[in-house]
Structure formats: structure tokens, C-alpha cells
Amino acid sequence: MSDLDTDLIVEERVTPVTNEGGDHERFAHYVKKSAILPSSVEGTPLEALCGKKWVPTRDPSKFPVCPECKEIYEGLLT
């Protein structure tokens, strides 16, 4: 599995880690697929492509995709 494999996941707790403000908690974010299972089992935080760090607990399909994650991901594909 390559490092570019990603999946959508979204957070329940709002705990911004980045210094900039923003709406990170209102979006589904792209993360490495290989990090999702350990996060759900061990409760370890994930880091999205945009830099958002959180422990996911919500269904990502209920949220729009983070525009910053999407832009970064599309840039990795080119």
C-alpha cells in the first residue's frame, strides 16, 4: 500500500492543534488508510493532509470534504 492511499474520516471532538483558526472540525479529512485501523483500535490521533490532528469518531460521509485536504491530495496525484 503506498503512502498516497487515503480515506475519509471525520472527528467528533473539536481540538484544534494547528496555530491557525479555521473550520477543520466541520469537514471530513483525508488521512493515510494504514493509520485508520490503529486509530480506531488504540484511540491514537490521526493527522490529515491539511495538518488537522484528532481522534475520529464520526461518520465522514455526513460532512463535506475539507477543501485543503482535497487540493493537497489532487496535487499528489499529478
Protein backbone atom coordinates (compact mmCIF):
# COMPACT_ATOMS: atom_id res chain seq x y z
CA MET A 1 0.00 0.00 0.00
CA SER A 2 1.52 3.34 -0.96
CA ASP A 3 1.64 6.45 1.25
CA LEU A 4 -0.79 8.10 -1.19
CA ASP A 5 -3.61 5.72 -0.27
CA THR A 6 -6.10 7.82 1.65
CA ASP A 7 -9.57 7.55 3.03
CA LEU A 8 -12.05 9.96 4.51
CA ILE A 9 -12.53 10.15 8.26
CA VAL A 10 -14.04 12.87 10.43
CA GLU A 11 -13.72 14.00 14.02
CA GLU A 12 -16.20 14.31 16.86
CA ARG A 13 -14.06 16.20 19.33
CA VAL A 14 -13.01 19.69 18.40
CA THR A 15 -9.40 20.02 19.49
CA PRO A 16 -7.51 22.25 17.07
CA VAL A 17 -3.79 21.56 17.12
CA THR A 18 -2.70 23.98 14.44
CA ASN A 19 -1.98 27.61 15.31
CA GLU A 20 -4.31 28.99 12.67
CA GLY A 21 -8.04 29.19 13.30
CA GLY A 22 -10.45 27.61 10.90
CA ASP A 23 -13.24 25.21 10.22
CA HIS A 24 -11.28 21.94 10.36
CA GLU A 25 -13.87 20.38 12.67
CA ARG A 26 -16.66 20.83 10.13
CA PHE A 27 -15.11 18.70 7.38
CA ALA A 28 -14.22 15.12 6.51
CA HIS A 29 -10.45 14.93 6.08
CA TYR A 30 -8.07 12.78 4.02
CA VAL A 31 -5.72 10.59 6.06
CA LYS A 32 -3.45 7.61 5.32
CA LYS A 33 -5.56 4.46 5.09
CA SER A 34 -2.99 2.50 7.06
CA ALA A 35 -3.50 4.82 10.07
CA ILE A 36 -7.29 4.43 10.36
CA LEU A 37 -7.47 0.98 11.97
CA PRO A 38 -4.80 1.64 14.63
CA SER A 39 -6.52 4.92 15.45
CA SER A 40 -9.91 3.28 15.89
CA VAL A 41 -8.50 0.42 17.99
CA GLU A 42 -5.97 2.34 20.11
CA GLY A 43 -7.57 5.79 20.09
CA THR A 44 -4.43 7.42 18.73
CA PRO A 45 -4.83 10.73 16.87
CA LEU A 46 -4.74 10.90 13.08
CA GLU A 47 -3.13 13.65 11.04
CA ALA A 48 -4.94 14.81 7.91
CA LEU A 49 -3.19 16.04 4.80
CA CYS A 50 -4.11 19.60 5.84
CA GLY A 51 -2.41 19.19 9.23
CA LYS A 52 -5.53 18.66 11.36
CA LYS A 53 -4.89 16.22 14.25
CA TRP A 54 -7.74 14.47 16.07
CA VAL A 55 -9.17 11.17 17.26
CA PRO A 56 -12.00 10.31 14.82
CA THR A 57 -15.36 9.01 15.99
CA ARG A 58 -17.95 10.23 13.44
CA ASP A 59 -19.14 9.00 10.07
CA PRO A 60 -17.23 11.06 7.46
CA SER A 61 -19.98 10.66 4.87
CA LYS A 62 -22.08 13.20 6.80
CA PHE A 63 -19.60 16.03 6.19
CA PRO A 64 -18.20 17.83 3.15
CA VAL A 65 -14.59 17.07 2.20
CA CYS A 66 -12.01 19.50 3.56
CA PRO A 67 -11.07 21.74 0.61
CA GLU A 68 -7.46 21.98 1.77
CA CYS A 69 -7.09 18.17 2.03
CA LYS A 70 -8.71 17.76 -1.38
CA GLU A 71 -6.35 20.27 -3.00
CA ILE A 72 -3.29 18.62 -1.46
CA TYR A 73 -4.45 15.12 -2.46
CA GLU A 74 -5.14 16.17 -6.06
CA GLY A 75 -1.67 17.74 -6.19
CA LEU A 76 -0.13 14.43 -5.12
CA LEU A 77 -1.83 12.62 -7.99
CA THR A 78 -0.29 14.81 -10.69
